[in-house]
Amino acid sequence: MNRSDIAKMIDYTLLRPTATETEVRNLCTEAVTYGFRAVSVNPVWVTLCTKLLGDSEVVIDACISFPLGASTARMKVEETRDALQNGATEIAAVINIGALKSGYAPYVEKEITTVVKAAGDIPVKVILETSCLNQDEKIAVCQMSLRAGAIAVQTSTGFGAYGARVEDVRLIKTTVGSYLDIKAAGGIRTFGDAMRMIEAGATHIGTSTGIDILNDAPDV
């Protein structure tokens, strides 16, 4: 896998609460320059990204209820609709972790389904936050995502106790097969890190160090 191949798998991420307009502008410029698949941003920056990315092929990935997932379902739906109105071309929504761990799996599935419905034809990724979940919970959310009509599941926000792990990507792959894409995110900083995730089954890589990963990759 060469630099061009891996660039097309990278969601270039800027989700820090201290992110500035200048940093977002740089993010978009670099995404186009290096051929990244997407930029992943908080919804407040979607309008600016839409203006900057124009007719480029870079996906604008709006992260909903990020990073806690603790908003109500109604607020997640409204945040999704607002992001779409402002130009988002992909949605990534964090599940209600507390509800899942409290035993309210049907509520969590209904929430995912509601967000997918609100997004319409726009793809939705479901963010699990694997560092907070046991194996059965991870499998359950993957199955919910399949039933709800999501297009992908994402390992983590990067704000949890740990980010993407190979064993979690393998578990997700075993659960969803080829039916859903898998985004490994959090703590992926080198080409070697990225390759380990891809070999385990990841189809997207979420990282804020995309340029470093490309510089570490072979030319051909």
N, C-alpha and C. Protein backbone atom coordinates (compact mmCIF):
# COMPACT_ATOMS: atom_id res chain seq x y z
N MET A 1 0.86 -1.20 0.00
CA MET A 1 0.00 0.00 0.00
C MET A 1 0.89 1.24 0.00
N ASN A 2 0.68 2.13 -0.99
CA ASN A 2 1.52 3.32 -1.09
C ASN A 2 0.82 4.54 -0.50
N ARG A 3 1.45 5.69 -0.66
CA ARG A 3 0.92 6.91 -0.04
C ARG A 3 -0.47 7.28 -0.57
N SER A 4 -0.65 7.15 -1.87
CA SER A 4 -1.94 7.50 -2.46
C SER A 4 -3.05 6.58 -1.94
N ASP A 5 -2.74 5.30 -1.83
CA ASP A 5 -3.73 4.34 -1.35
C ASP A 5 -4.18 4.68 0.07
N ILE A 6 -3.23 4.94 0.94
CA ILE A 6 -3.59 5.17 2.34
C ILE A 6 -4.23 6.55 2.53
N ALA A 7 -3.83 7.53 1.71
CA ALA A 7 -4.45 8.86 1.81
C ALA A 7 -5.95 8.77 1.59
N LYS A 8 -6.37 7.91 0.67
CA LYS A 8 -7.78 7.76 0.35
C LYS A 8 -8.57 7.08 1.46
N MET A 9 -7.87 6.57 2.46
CA MET A 9 -8.53 5.92 3.59
C MET A 9 -8.54 6.80 4.83
N ILE A 10 -7.86 7.94 4.77
CA ILE A 10 -7.68 8.77 5.97
C ILE A 10 -8.78 9.82 6.11
N ASP A 11 -9.41 9.83 7.29
CA ASP A 11 -10.28 10.92 7.70
C ASP A 11 -9.42 11.85 8.56
N TYR A 12 -9.10 13.00 8.01
CA TYR A 12 -8.18 13.94 8.65
C TYR A 12 -8.95 14.72 9.71
N THR A 13 -8.50 14.62 10.94
CA THR A 13 -9.34 14.97 12.08
C THR A 13 -8.85 16.21 12.82
N LEU A 14 -9.81 17.09 13.16
CA LEU A 14 -9.54 18.22 14.04
C LEU A 14 -10.77 18.41 14.92
N LEU A 15 -10.72 17.82 16.12
CA LEU A 15 -11.89 17.80 16.99
C LEU A 15 -11.60 18.36 18.38
N ARG A 16 -10.42 18.97 18.54
CA ARG A 16 -10.10 19.59 19.83
C ARG A 16 -11.03 20.77 20.11
N PRO A 17 -11.44 20.96 21.36
CA PRO A 17 -12.31 22.10 21.67
C PRO A 17 -11.62 23.44 21.46
N THR A 18 -10.28 23.43 21.40
CA THR A 18 -9.53 24.67 21.21
C THR A 18 -9.22 24.95 19.74
N ALA A 19 -9.75 24.14 18.83
CA ALA A 19 -9.47 24.33 17.40
C ALA A 19 -9.87 25.73 16.96
N THR A 20 -9.01 26.38 16.20
CA THR A 20 -9.26 27.73 15.73
C THR A 20 -9.62 27.74 14.25
N GLU A 21 -10.12 28.88 13.79
CA GLU A 21 -10.46 29.01 12.37
C GLU A 21 -9.24 28.78 11.50
N THR A 22 -8.10 29.31 11.90
CA THR A 22 -6.88 29.12 11.12
C THR A 22 -6.54 27.65 11.00
N GLU A 23 -6.68 26.92 12.08
CA GLU A 23 -6.39 25.48 12.05
C GLU A 23 -7.36 24.72 11.15
N VAL A 24 -8.63 25.11 11.18
CA VAL A 24 -9.61 24.46 10.32
C VAL A 24 -9.31 24.75 8.85
N ARG A 25 -8.94 25.98 8.56
CA ARG A 25 -8.56 26.32 7.19
C ARG A 25 -7.36 25.49 6.73
N ASN A 26 -6.38 25.34 7.60
CA ASN A 26 -5.21 24.53 7.26
C ASN A 26 -5.60 23.07 7.06
N LEU A 27 -6.50 22.59 7.90
CA LEU A 27 -6.98 21.21 7.78
C LEU A 27 -7.56 20.96 6.39
N CYS A 28 -8.41 21.86 5.95
CA CYS A 28 -9.06 21.69 4.64
C CYS A 28 -8.05 21.80 3.50
N THR A 29 -7.14 22.75 3.59
CA THR A 29 -6.11 22.90 2.56
C THR A 29 -5.26 21.64 2.46
N GLU A 30 -4.86 21.12 3.60
CA GLU A 30 -4.02 19.92 3.61
C GLU A 30 -4.78 18.69 3.14
N ALA A 31 -6.07 18.62 3.46
CA ALA A 31 -6.88 17.48 3.01
C ALA A 31 -6.92 17.40 1.50
N VAL A 32 -7.08 18.56 0.86
CA VAL A 32 -7.10 18.60 -0.61
C VAL A 32 -5.70 18.31 -1.16
N THR A 33 -4.71 18.94 -0.59
CA THR A 33 -3.33 18.79 -1.08
C THR A 33 -2.85 17.34 -1.03
N TYR A 34 -3.17 16.65 0.05
CA TYR A 34 -2.68 15.29 0.23
C TYR A 34 -3.67 14.22 -0.20
N GLY A 35 -4.86 14.61 -0.62
CA GLY A 35 -5.82 13.65 -1.13
C GLY A 35 -6.49 12.79 -0.08
N PHE A 36 -6.70 13.38 1.12
CA PHE A 36 -7.37 12.62 2.17
C PHE A 36 -8.85 12.39 1.83
N ARG A 37 -9.39 11.30 2.36
CA ARG A 37 -10.79 10.95 2.08
C ARG A 37 -11.76 11.98 2.64
N ALA A 38 -11.49 12.43 3.87
CA ALA A 38 -12.46 13.29 4.56
C ALA A 38 -11.76 14.20 5.56
N VAL A 39 -12.49 15.24 5.99
CA VAL A 39 -12.14 15.98 7.19
C VAL A 39 -13.22 15.67 8.23
N SER A 40 -12.79 15.42 9.45
CA SER A 40 -13.73 15.17 10.55
C SER A 40 -13.67 16.34 11.52
N VAL A 41 -14.80 17.02 11.68
CA VAL A 41 -14.84 18.25 12.47
C VAL A 41 -16.08 18.30 13.33
N ASN A 42 -16.04 19.16 14.33
CA ASN A 42 -17.25 19.44 15.10
C ASN A 42 -18.21 20.26 14.23
N PRO A 43 -19.52 20.13 14.48
CA PRO A 43 -20.51 20.77 13.60
C PRO A 43 -20.36 22.27 13.43
N VAL A 44 -19.79 22.95 14.42
CA VAL A 44 -19.65 24.40 14.33
C VAL A 44 -18.78 24.81 13.15
N TRP A 45 -17.91 23.90 12.66
CA TRP A 45 -17.00 24.23 11.57
C TRP A 45 -17.47 23.72 10.21
N VAL A 46 -18.63 23.11 10.15
CA VAL A 46 -19.09 22.52 8.89
C VAL A 46 -19.30 23.58 7.81
N THR A 47 -19.89 24.70 8.16
CA THR A 47 -20.15 25.75 7.17
C THR A 47 -18.84 26.24 6.55
N LEU A 48 -17.84 26.49 7.38
CA LEU A 48 -16.54 26.93 6.87
C LEU A 48 -15.92 25.87 5.98
N CYS A 49 -15.96 24.60 6.41
CA CYS A 49 -15.40 23.53 5.59
C CYS A 49 -16.11 23.43 4.24
N THR A 50 -17.41 23.63 4.24
CA THR A 50 -18.17 23.58 3.00
C THR A 50 -17.69 24.66 2.03
N LYS A 51 -17.45 25.85 2.56
CA LYS A 51 -16.97 26.95 1.72
C LYS A 51 -15.57 26.67 1.20
N LEU A 52 -14.72 26.12 2.05
CA LEU A 52 -13.33 25.93 1.67
C LEU A 52 -13.13 24.75 0.73
N LEU A 53 -13.90 23.70 0.93
CA LEU A 53 -13.69 22.49 0.13
C LEU A 53 -14.40 22.53 -1.21
N GLY A 54 -15.43 23.37 -1.31
CA GLY A 54 -16.08 23.62 -2.59
C GLY A 54 -16.41 22.36 -3.35
N ASP A 55 -15.88 22.25 -4.57
CA ASP A 55 -16.18 21.12 -5.43
C ASP A 55 -15.16 19.99 -5.30
N SER A 56 -14.35 20.02 -4.28
CA SER A 56 -13.37 18.94 -4.08
C SER A 56 -14.10 17.65 -3.73
N GLU A 57 -13.35 16.56 -3.77
CA GLU A 57 -13.93 15.25 -3.45
C GLU A 57 -13.83 14.92 -1.97
N VAL A 58 -13.30 15.83 -1.17
CA VAL A 58 -13.13 15.57 0.26
C VAL A 58 -14.48 15.56 0.97
N VAL A 59 -14.74 14.49 1.70
CA VAL A 59 -15.98 14.35 2.47
C VAL A 59 -15.91 15.23 3.72
N ILE A 60 -17.05 15.86 4.05
CA ILE A 60 -17.14 16.65 5.28
C ILE A 60 -17.89 15.83 6.32
N ASP A 61 -17.14 15.31 7.29
CA ASP A 61 -17.65 14.39 8.29
C ASP A 61 -17.96 15.16 9.57
N ALA A 62 -19.24 15.35 9.87
CA ALA A 62 -19.65 16.09 11.07
C ALA A 62 -19.86 15.12 12.22
N CYS A 63 -19.21 15.39 13.35
CA CYS A 63 -19.25 14.50 14.50
C CYS A 63 -20.33 14.98 15.48
N ILE A 64 -21.32 14.14 15.70
CA ILE A 64 -22.52 14.51 16.44
C ILE A 64 -22.45 14.01 17.89
N SER A 65 -22.87 14.87 18.81
CA SER A 65 -22.84 14.57 20.25
C SER A 65 -21.44 14.11 20.66
N PHE A 66 -20.47 14.82 20.16
CA PHE A 66 -19.07 14.45 20.33
C PHE A 66 -18.42 15.22 21.49
N PRO A 67 -17.65 14.58 22.34
CA PRO A 67 -17.26 13.17 22.31
C PRO A 67 -18.03 12.27 23.28
N LEU A 68 -18.98 12.81 24.03
CA LEU A 68 -19.59 12.04 25.12
C LEU A 68 -20.76 11.16 24.70
N GLY A 69 -21.51 11.60 23.69
CA GLY A 69 -22.70 10.85 23.28
C GLY A 69 -23.86 11.00 24.23
N ALA A 70 -23.77 11.95 25.16
CA ALA A 70 -24.75 12.04 26.25
C ALA A 70 -25.90 12.99 25.98
N SER A 71 -26.03 13.48 24.75
CA SER A 71 -27.18 14.31 24.39
C SER A 71 -28.42 13.44 24.26
N THR A 72 -29.59 14.05 24.32
CA THR A 72 -30.82 13.30 24.08
C THR A 72 -30.91 12.94 22.60
N ALA A 73 -31.74 11.96 22.29
CA ALA A 73 -31.92 11.55 20.90
C ALA A 73 -32.44 12.72 20.06
N ARG A 74 -33.34 13.50 20.64
CA ARG A 74 -33.88 14.65 19.91
C ARG A 74 -32.78 15.64 19.54
N MET A 75 -31.86 15.89 20.47
CA MET A 75 -30.78 16.84 20.19
C MET A 75 -29.81 16.28 19.15
N LYS A 76 -29.58 14.98 19.18
CA LYS A 76 -28.72 14.37 18.16
C LYS A 76 -29.34 14.52 16.77
N VAL A 77 -30.64 14.35 16.71
CA VAL A 77 -31.33 14.51 15.43
C VAL A 77 -31.24 15.96 14.95
N GLU A 78 -31.46 16.91 15.84
CA GLU A 78 -31.39 18.32 15.45
C GLU A 78 -29.98 18.71 15.04
N GLU A 79 -28.98 18.19 15.76
CA GLU A 79 -27.59 18.48 15.43
C GLU A 79 -27.24 17.89 14.06
N THR A 80 -27.77 16.70 13.79
CA THR A 80 -27.57 16.07 12.49
C THR A 80 -28.17 16.91 11.38
N ARG A 81 -29.41 17.33 11.57
CA ARG A 81 -30.09 18.13 10.54
C ARG A 81 -29.38 19.46 10.30
N ASP A 82 -28.92 20.07 11.37
CA ASP A 82 -28.21 21.34 11.24
C ASP A 82 -26.90 21.15 10.46
N ALA A 83 -26.18 20.08 10.77
CA ALA A 83 -24.92 19.81 10.07
C ALA A 83 -25.17 19.57 8.58
N LEU A 84 -26.22 18.86 8.27
CA LEU A 84 -26.54 18.59 6.87
C LEU A 84 -26.94 19.87 6.14
N GLN A 85 -27.71 20.70 6.81
CA GLN A 85 -28.11 21.98 6.21
C GLN A 85 -26.90 22.85 5.92
N ASN A 86 -25.87 22.71 6.74
CA ASN A 86 -24.66 23.53 6.57
C ASN A 86 -23.65 22.91 5.60
N GLY A 87 -23.96 21.72 5.09
CA GLY A 87 -23.11 21.14 4.05
C GLY A 87 -22.40 19.85 4.38
N ALA A 88 -22.64 19.26 5.54
CA ALA A 88 -22.00 17.98 5.87
C ALA A 88 -22.39 16.92 4.86
N THR A 89 -21.44 16.09 4.49
CA THR A 89 -21.72 15.01 3.54
C THR A 89 -21.56 13.63 4.19
N GLU A 90 -21.30 13.63 5.48
CA GLU A 90 -21.25 12.38 6.25
C GLU A 90 -21.49 12.74 7.71
N ILE A 91 -22.11 11.82 8.44
CA ILE A 91 -22.41 12.02 9.85
C ILE A 91 -21.75 10.91 10.67
N ALA A 92 -21.14 11.29 11.79
CA ALA A 92 -20.60 10.31 12.74
C ALA A 92 -21.19 10.64 14.10
N ALA A 93 -21.98 9.72 14.66
CA ALA A 93 -22.70 9.99 15.90
C ALA A 93 -22.23 9.06 17.01
N VAL A 94 -21.94 9.65 18.17
CA VAL A 94 -21.52 8.86 19.34
C VAL A 94 -22.76 8.28 20.01
N ILE A 95 -22.69 6.99 20.34
CA ILE A 95 -23.83 6.35 20.99
C ILE A 95 -24.00 6.89 22.42
N ASN A 96 -25.17 6.62 22.99
CA ASN A 96 -25.41 6.94 24.40
C ASN A 96 -24.81 5.82 25.24
N ILE A 97 -23.58 6.02 25.64
CA ILE A 97 -22.82 4.98 26.35
C ILE A 97 -23.48 4.63 27.68
N GLY A 98 -23.91 5.65 28.42
CA GLY A 98 -24.53 5.41 29.72
C GLY A 98 -25.80 4.60 29.61
N ALA A 99 -26.61 4.89 28.58
CA ALA A 99 -27.84 4.13 28.38
C ALA A 99 -27.55 2.67 28.08
N LEU A 100 -26.54 2.43 27.24
CA LEU A 100 -26.19 1.06 26.91
C LEU A 100 -25.74 0.30 28.15
N LYS A 101 -24.89 0.93 28.96
CA LYS A 101 -24.35 0.26 30.14
C LYS A 101 -25.39 0.15 31.25
N SER A 102 -26.47 0.90 31.13
CA SER A 102 -27.56 0.79 32.09
C SER A 102 -28.56 -0.30 31.71
N GLY A 103 -28.32 -0.93 30.56
CA GLY A 103 -29.21 -2.01 30.13
C GLY A 103 -30.30 -1.59 29.18
N TYR A 104 -30.20 -0.36 28.65
CA TYR A 104 -31.26 0.14 27.77
C TYR A 104 -30.86 0.01 26.30
N ALA A 105 -30.51 -1.20 25.90
CA ALA A 105 -30.08 -1.44 24.53
C ALA A 105 -31.15 -1.04 23.50
N PRO A 106 -32.44 -1.33 23.74
CA PRO A 106 -33.46 -0.93 22.75
C PRO A 106 -33.49 0.59 22.53
N TYR A 107 -33.27 1.36 23.60
CA TYR A 107 -33.22 2.81 23.45
C TYR A 107 -32.06 3.22 22.56
N VAL A 108 -30.90 2.61 22.79
CA VAL A 108 -29.71 2.96 22.00
C VAL A 108 -29.94 2.64 20.53
N GLU A 109 -30.52 1.48 20.26
CA GLU A 109 -30.79 1.11 18.86
C GLU A 109 -31.81 2.07 18.22
N LYS A 110 -32.83 2.43 18.98
CA LYS A 110 -33.82 3.36 18.45
C LYS A 110 -33.17 4.71 18.15
N GLU A 111 -32.25 5.15 19.00
CA GLU A 111 -31.56 6.41 18.80
C GLU A 111 -30.72 6.37 17.52
N ILE A 112 -29.98 5.28 17.33
CA ILE A 112 -29.18 5.13 16.11
C ILE A 112 -30.09 5.17 14.89
N THR A 113 -31.17 4.43 14.95
CA THR A 113 -32.11 4.38 13.83
C THR A 113 -32.68 5.76 13.52
N THR A 114 -32.97 6.52 14.56
CA THR A 114 -33.54 7.86 14.39
C THR A 114 -32.55 8.80 13.72
N VAL A 115 -31.28 8.71 14.11
CA VAL A 115 -30.25 9.55 13.48
C VAL A 115 -30.07 9.17 12.02
N VAL A 116 -30.05 7.87 11.73
CA VAL A 116 -29.92 7.41 10.35
C VAL A 116 -31.09 7.92 9.51
N LYS A 117 -32.28 7.84 10.07
CA LYS A 117 -33.46 8.33 9.35
C LYS A 117 -33.36 9.83 9.11
N ALA A 118 -32.90 10.59 10.10
CA ALA A 118 -32.77 12.04 9.95
C ALA A 118 -31.75 12.40 8.88
N ALA A 119 -30.74 11.56 8.72
CA ALA A 119 -29.69 11.83 7.74
C ALA A 119 -30.13 11.55 6.31
N GLY A 120 -31.18 10.76 6.16
CA GLY A 120 -31.67 10.47 4.82
C GLY A 120 -30.65 9.70 4.00
N ASP A 121 -30.27 10.28 2.85
CA ASP A 121 -29.31 9.62 1.96
C ASP A 121 -27.85 9.83 2.37
N ILE A 122 -27.63 10.63 3.39
CA ILE A 122 -26.26 10.91 3.84
C ILE A 122 -25.77 9.77 4.74
N PRO A 123 -24.58 9.23 4.48
CA PRO A 123 -24.08 8.10 5.28
C PRO A 123 -23.88 8.45 6.74
N VAL A 124 -24.14 7.49 7.61
CA VAL A 124 -23.97 7.65 9.05
C VAL A 124 -23.00 6.60 9.58
N LYS A 125 -22.01 7.06 10.33
CA LYS A 125 -21.11 6.18 11.08
C LYS A 125 -21.54 6.21 12.55
N VAL A 126 -21.46 5.07 13.20
CA VAL A 126 -21.79 4.95 14.61
C VAL A 126 -20.50 4.81 15.41
N ILE A 127 -20.28 5.72 16.35
CA ILE A 127 -19.06 5.71 17.17
C ILE A 127 -19.32 4.95 18.47
N LEU A 128 -18.53 3.89 18.69
CA LEU A 128 -18.76 3.00 19.82
C LEU A 128 -18.12 3.47 21.13
N GLU A 129 -16.94 4.02 21.08
CA GLU A 129 -16.08 4.30 22.24
C GLU A 129 -15.75 2.98 22.95
N THR A 130 -14.92 2.19 22.27
CA THR A 130 -14.62 0.82 22.72
C THR A 130 -13.97 0.76 24.09
N SER A 131 -13.27 1.81 24.51
CA SER A 131 -12.62 1.77 25.82
C SER A 131 -13.62 1.72 26.96
N CYS A 132 -14.87 2.05 26.68
CA CYS A 132 -15.91 2.06 27.71
C CYS A 132 -16.78 0.81 27.69
N LEU A 133 -16.60 -0.05 26.68
CA LEU A 133 -17.53 -1.16 26.47
C LEU A 133 -16.85 -2.51 26.65
N ASN A 134 -17.63 -3.50 27.12
CA ASN A 134 -17.13 -4.87 27.14
C ASN A 134 -17.40 -5.53 25.79
N GLN A 135 -16.92 -6.73 25.63
CA GLN A 135 -17.02 -7.38 24.32
C GLN A 135 -18.46 -7.55 23.87
N ASP A 136 -19.35 -7.98 24.76
CA ASP A 136 -20.75 -8.18 24.40
C ASP A 136 -21.40 -6.87 23.97
N GLU A 137 -21.05 -5.78 24.65
CA GLU A 137 -21.61 -4.47 24.29
C GLU A 137 -21.11 -4.00 22.92
N LYS A 138 -19.84 -4.25 22.63
CA LYS A 138 -19.30 -3.88 21.33
C LYS A 138 -20.03 -4.64 20.22
N ILE A 139 -20.20 -5.93 20.41
CA ILE A 139 -20.91 -6.74 19.42
C ILE A 139 -22.34 -6.26 19.26
N ALA A 140 -22.99 -5.97 20.38
CA ALA A 140 -24.39 -5.54 20.33
C ALA A 140 -24.56 -4.25 19.53
N VAL A 141 -23.67 -3.26 19.75
CA VAL A 141 -23.79 -1.99 19.02
C VAL A 141 -23.51 -2.20 17.53
N CYS A 142 -22.58 -3.06 17.19
CA CYS A 142 -22.34 -3.37 15.78
C CYS A 142 -23.59 -3.95 15.14
N GLN A 143 -24.25 -4.86 15.84
CA GLN A 143 -25.47 -5.46 15.31
C GLN A 143 -26.59 -4.43 15.20
N MET A 144 -26.68 -3.54 16.18
CA MET A 144 -27.66 -2.45 16.11
C MET A 144 -27.41 -1.58 14.88
N SER A 145 -26.15 -1.27 14.63
CA SER A 145 -25.78 -0.40 13.51
C SER A 145 -26.16 -1.04 12.19
N LEU A 146 -25.97 -2.34 12.08
CA LEU A 146 -26.38 -3.07 10.88
C LEU A 146 -27.88 -2.95 10.68
N ARG A 147 -28.64 -3.22 11.72
CA ARG A 147 -30.10 -3.19 11.61
C ARG A 147 -30.62 -1.78 11.34
N ALA A 148 -29.91 -0.78 11.88
CA ALA A 148 -30.39 0.61 11.76
C ALA A 148 -30.12 1.22 10.39
N GLY A 149 -29.24 0.60 9.61
CA GLY A 149 -28.93 1.14 8.28
C GLY A 149 -27.75 2.08 8.24
N ALA A 150 -26.89 2.04 9.28
CA ALA A 150 -25.65 2.82 9.23
C ALA A 150 -24.74 2.24 8.16
N ILE A 151 -23.74 3.03 7.74
CA ILE A 151 -22.81 2.53 6.73
C ILE A 151 -21.47 2.12 7.33
N ALA A 152 -21.23 2.50 8.59
CA ALA A 152 -19.94 2.19 9.20
C ALA A 152 -20.04 2.26 10.71
N VAL A 153 -19.08 1.61 11.37
CA VAL A 153 -18.89 1.78 12.81
C VAL A 153 -17.47 2.27 13.03
N GLN A 154 -17.33 3.06 14.08
CA GLN A 154 -16.04 3.66 14.41
C GLN A 154 -15.64 3.23 15.80
N THR A 155 -14.37 2.89 15.98
CA THR A 155 -13.93 2.34 17.26
C THR A 155 -14.08 3.31 18.42
N SER A 156 -13.73 4.56 18.20
CA SER A 156 -13.59 5.47 19.34
C SER A 156 -13.51 6.93 18.91
N THR A 157 -13.60 7.80 19.91
CA THR A 157 -13.54 9.24 19.65
C THR A 157 -12.11 9.77 19.67
N GLY A 158 -11.23 9.05 20.34
CA GLY A 158 -9.89 9.58 20.60
C GLY A 158 -9.82 10.32 21.93
N PHE A 159 -10.96 10.45 22.59
CA PHE A 159 -11.02 11.14 23.88
C PHE A 159 -11.26 10.18 25.04
N GLY A 160 -11.35 8.88 24.75
CA GLY A 160 -11.58 7.89 25.79
C GLY A 160 -10.29 7.45 26.46
N ALA A 161 -10.38 6.40 27.25
CA ALA A 161 -9.20 5.90 27.97
C ALA A 161 -8.14 5.40 27.02
N TYR A 162 -8.56 4.88 25.89
CA TYR A 162 -7.64 4.50 24.81
C TYR A 162 -8.39 4.58 23.49
N GLY A 163 -7.63 4.58 22.41
CA GLY A 163 -8.22 4.70 21.09
C GLY A 163 -8.38 3.36 20.41
N ALA A 164 -8.07 3.32 19.12
CA ALA A 164 -8.24 2.10 18.34
C ALA A 164 -7.26 1.02 18.79
N ARG A 165 -7.76 -0.20 18.87
CA ARG A 165 -6.92 -1.36 19.15
C ARG A 165 -7.19 -2.44 18.11
N VAL A 166 -6.15 -3.15 17.75
CA VAL A 166 -6.28 -4.18 16.72
C VAL A 166 -7.34 -5.20 17.09
N GLU A 167 -7.37 -5.62 18.36
CA GLU A 167 -8.33 -6.64 18.76
C GLU A 167 -9.78 -6.17 18.62
N ASP A 168 -10.01 -4.88 18.83
CA ASP A 168 -11.35 -4.34 18.66
C ASP A 168 -11.74 -4.29 17.18
N VAL A 169 -10.81 -3.90 16.33
CA VAL A 169 -11.09 -3.88 14.90
C VAL A 169 -11.41 -5.29 14.41
N ARG A 170 -10.65 -6.27 14.89
CA ARG A 170 -10.92 -7.66 14.50
C ARG A 170 -12.28 -8.12 14.97
N LEU A 171 -12.65 -7.76 16.19
CA LEU A 171 -13.96 -8.13 16.73
C LEU A 171 -15.08 -7.51 15.89
N ILE A 172 -14.92 -6.22 15.57
CA ILE A 172 -15.93 -5.54 14.76
C ILE A 172 -16.03 -6.19 13.38
N LYS A 173 -14.88 -6.51 12.78
CA LYS A 173 -14.87 -7.14 11.46
C LYS A 173 -15.58 -8.48 11.51
N THR A 174 -15.33 -9.25 12.54
CA THR A 174 -15.99 -10.55 12.68
C THR A 174 -17.50 -10.38 12.79
N THR A 175 -17.92 -9.29 13.43
CA THR A 175 -19.36 -9.05 13.66
C THR A 175 -20.07 -8.52 12.43
N VAL A 176 -19.45 -7.56 11.75
CA VAL A 176 -20.16 -6.89 10.63
C VAL A 176 -19.76 -7.42 9.27
N GLY A 177 -18.68 -8.20 9.20
CA GLY A 177 -18.24 -8.72 7.91
C GLY A 177 -17.97 -7.62 6.91
N SER A 178 -18.48 -7.80 5.71
CA SER A 178 -18.30 -6.79 4.66
C SER A 178 -19.51 -5.88 4.53
N TYR A 179 -20.45 -5.99 5.47
CA TYR A 179 -21.69 -5.22 5.39
C TYR A 179 -21.51 -3.76 5.80
N LEU A 180 -20.56 -3.51 6.70
CA LEU A 180 -20.31 -2.14 7.14
C LEU A 180 -18.82 -1.83 7.00
N ASP A 181 -18.52 -0.56 6.73
CA ASP A 181 -17.14 -0.11 6.80
C ASP A 181 -16.74 0.00 8.27
N ILE A 182 -15.44 -0.01 8.51
CA ILE A 182 -14.91 0.08 9.87
C ILE A 182 -13.89 1.21 9.91
N LYS A 183 -14.13 2.18 10.80
CA LYS A 183 -13.18 3.27 10.98
C LYS A 183 -12.44 3.07 12.29
N ALA A 184 -11.13 2.92 12.19
CA ALA A 184 -10.27 2.87 13.36
C ALA A 184 -9.80 4.28 13.66
N ALA A 185 -10.04 4.75 14.87
CA ALA A 185 -9.71 6.14 15.21
C ALA A 185 -9.20 6.21 16.64
N GLY A 186 -8.22 7.10 16.83
CA GLY A 186 -7.67 7.31 18.17
C GLY A 186 -6.32 6.65 18.34
N GLY A 187 -5.27 7.45 18.46
CA GLY A 187 -3.94 6.92 18.74
C GLY A 187 -3.20 6.36 17.54
N ILE A 188 -3.70 6.59 16.33
CA ILE A 188 -3.04 6.10 15.13
C ILE A 188 -2.14 7.21 14.60
N ARG A 189 -0.85 7.04 14.76
CA ARG A 189 0.08 8.14 14.49
C ARG A 189 1.16 7.82 13.47
N THR A 190 1.33 6.55 13.13
CA THR A 190 2.38 6.17 12.19
C THR A 190 1.80 5.29 11.09
N PHE A 191 2.59 5.13 10.02
CA PHE A 191 2.17 4.24 8.94
C PHE A 191 2.00 2.82 9.45
N GLY A 192 2.89 2.40 10.34
CA GLY A 192 2.78 1.07 10.92
C GLY A 192 1.49 0.90 11.71
N ASP A 193 1.13 1.92 12.50
CA ASP A 193 -0.14 1.88 13.23
C ASP A 193 -1.31 1.69 12.27
N ALA A 194 -1.31 2.50 11.22
CA ALA A 194 -2.40 2.45 10.25
C ALA A 194 -2.48 1.09 9.57
N MET A 195 -1.34 0.55 9.18
CA MET A 195 -1.32 -0.74 8.49
C MET A 195 -1.83 -1.86 9.38
N ARG A 196 -1.51 -1.81 10.66
CA ARG A 196 -2.01 -2.84 11.58
C ARG A 196 -3.53 -2.81 11.66
N MET A 197 -4.10 -1.62 11.65
CA MET A 197 -5.56 -1.49 11.68
C MET A 197 -6.18 -1.97 10.37
N ILE A 198 -5.56 -1.62 9.26
CA ILE A 198 -6.08 -2.03 7.95
C ILE A 198 -6.02 -3.55 7.80
N GLU A 199 -4.92 -4.14 8.23
CA GLU A 199 -4.77 -5.59 8.15
C GLU A 199 -5.79 -6.30 9.03
N ALA A 200 -6.23 -5.64 10.11
CA ALA A 200 -7.24 -6.22 11.00
C ALA A 200 -8.66 -6.06 10.46
N GLY A 201 -8.83 -5.19 9.45
CA GLY A 201 -10.15 -5.04 8.85
C GLY A 201 -10.65 -3.62 8.69
N ALA A 202 -9.87 -2.62 9.16
CA ALA A 202 -10.32 -1.23 9.03
C ALA A 202 -10.33 -0.78 7.57
N THR A 203 -11.35 -0.03 7.20
CA THR A 203 -11.45 0.54 5.86
C THR A 203 -11.21 2.04 5.86
N HIS A 204 -11.31 2.68 7.02
CA HIS A 204 -11.01 4.10 7.19
C HIS A 204 -10.08 4.25 8.40
N ILE A 205 -9.26 5.29 8.34
CA ILE A 205 -8.37 5.61 9.46
C ILE A 205 -8.65 7.04 9.88
N GLY A 206 -9.03 7.22 11.14
CA GLY A 206 -9.24 8.56 11.68
C GLY A 206 -8.00 9.01 12.42
N THR A 207 -7.43 10.14 12.00
CA THR A 207 -6.18 10.59 12.61
C THR A 207 -5.98 12.08 12.41
N SER A 208 -5.32 12.70 13.36
CA SER A 208 -4.93 14.11 13.22
C SER A 208 -3.51 14.24 12.69
N THR A 209 -2.85 13.10 12.49
CA THR A 209 -1.46 13.10 12.03
C THR A 209 -1.33 12.45 10.66
N GLY A 210 -2.28 12.74 9.79
CA GLY A 210 -2.31 12.13 8.47
C GLY A 210 -1.06 12.40 7.65
N ILE A 211 -0.54 13.60 7.73
CA ILE A 211 0.65 13.95 6.95
C ILE A 211 1.86 13.15 7.42
N ASP A 212 2.00 12.99 8.73
CA ASP A 212 3.09 12.18 9.27
C ASP A 212 2.98 10.73 8.79
N ILE A 213 1.76 10.22 8.75
CA ILE A 213 1.55 8.85 8.29
C ILE A 213 1.96 8.70 6.82
N LEU A 214 1.58 9.67 6.01
CA LEU A 214 1.96 9.63 4.60
C LEU A 214 3.47 9.74 4.42
N ASN A 215 4.10 10.59 5.19
CA ASN A 215 5.55 10.75 5.09
C ASN A 215 6.28 9.48 5.50
N ASP A 216 5.62 8.68 6.31
CA ASP A 216 6.20 7.42 6.79
C ASP A 216 5.91 6.26 5.84
N ALA A 217 5.04 6.50 4.85
CA ALA A 217 4.60 5.44 3.93
C ALA A 217 5.55 5.32 2.74
N PRO A 218 5.59 4.14 2.10
CA PRO A 218 6.43 4.00 0.91
C PRO A 218 5.89 4.81 -0.25
N ASP A 219 6.78 5.23 -1.14
CA ASP A 219 6.36 6.03 -2.30
C ASP A 219 5.52 5.21 -3.27
N VAL A 220 5.83 3.95 -3.42
CA VAL A 220 5.13 3.11 -4.40
C VAL A 220 4.71 1.80 -3.75
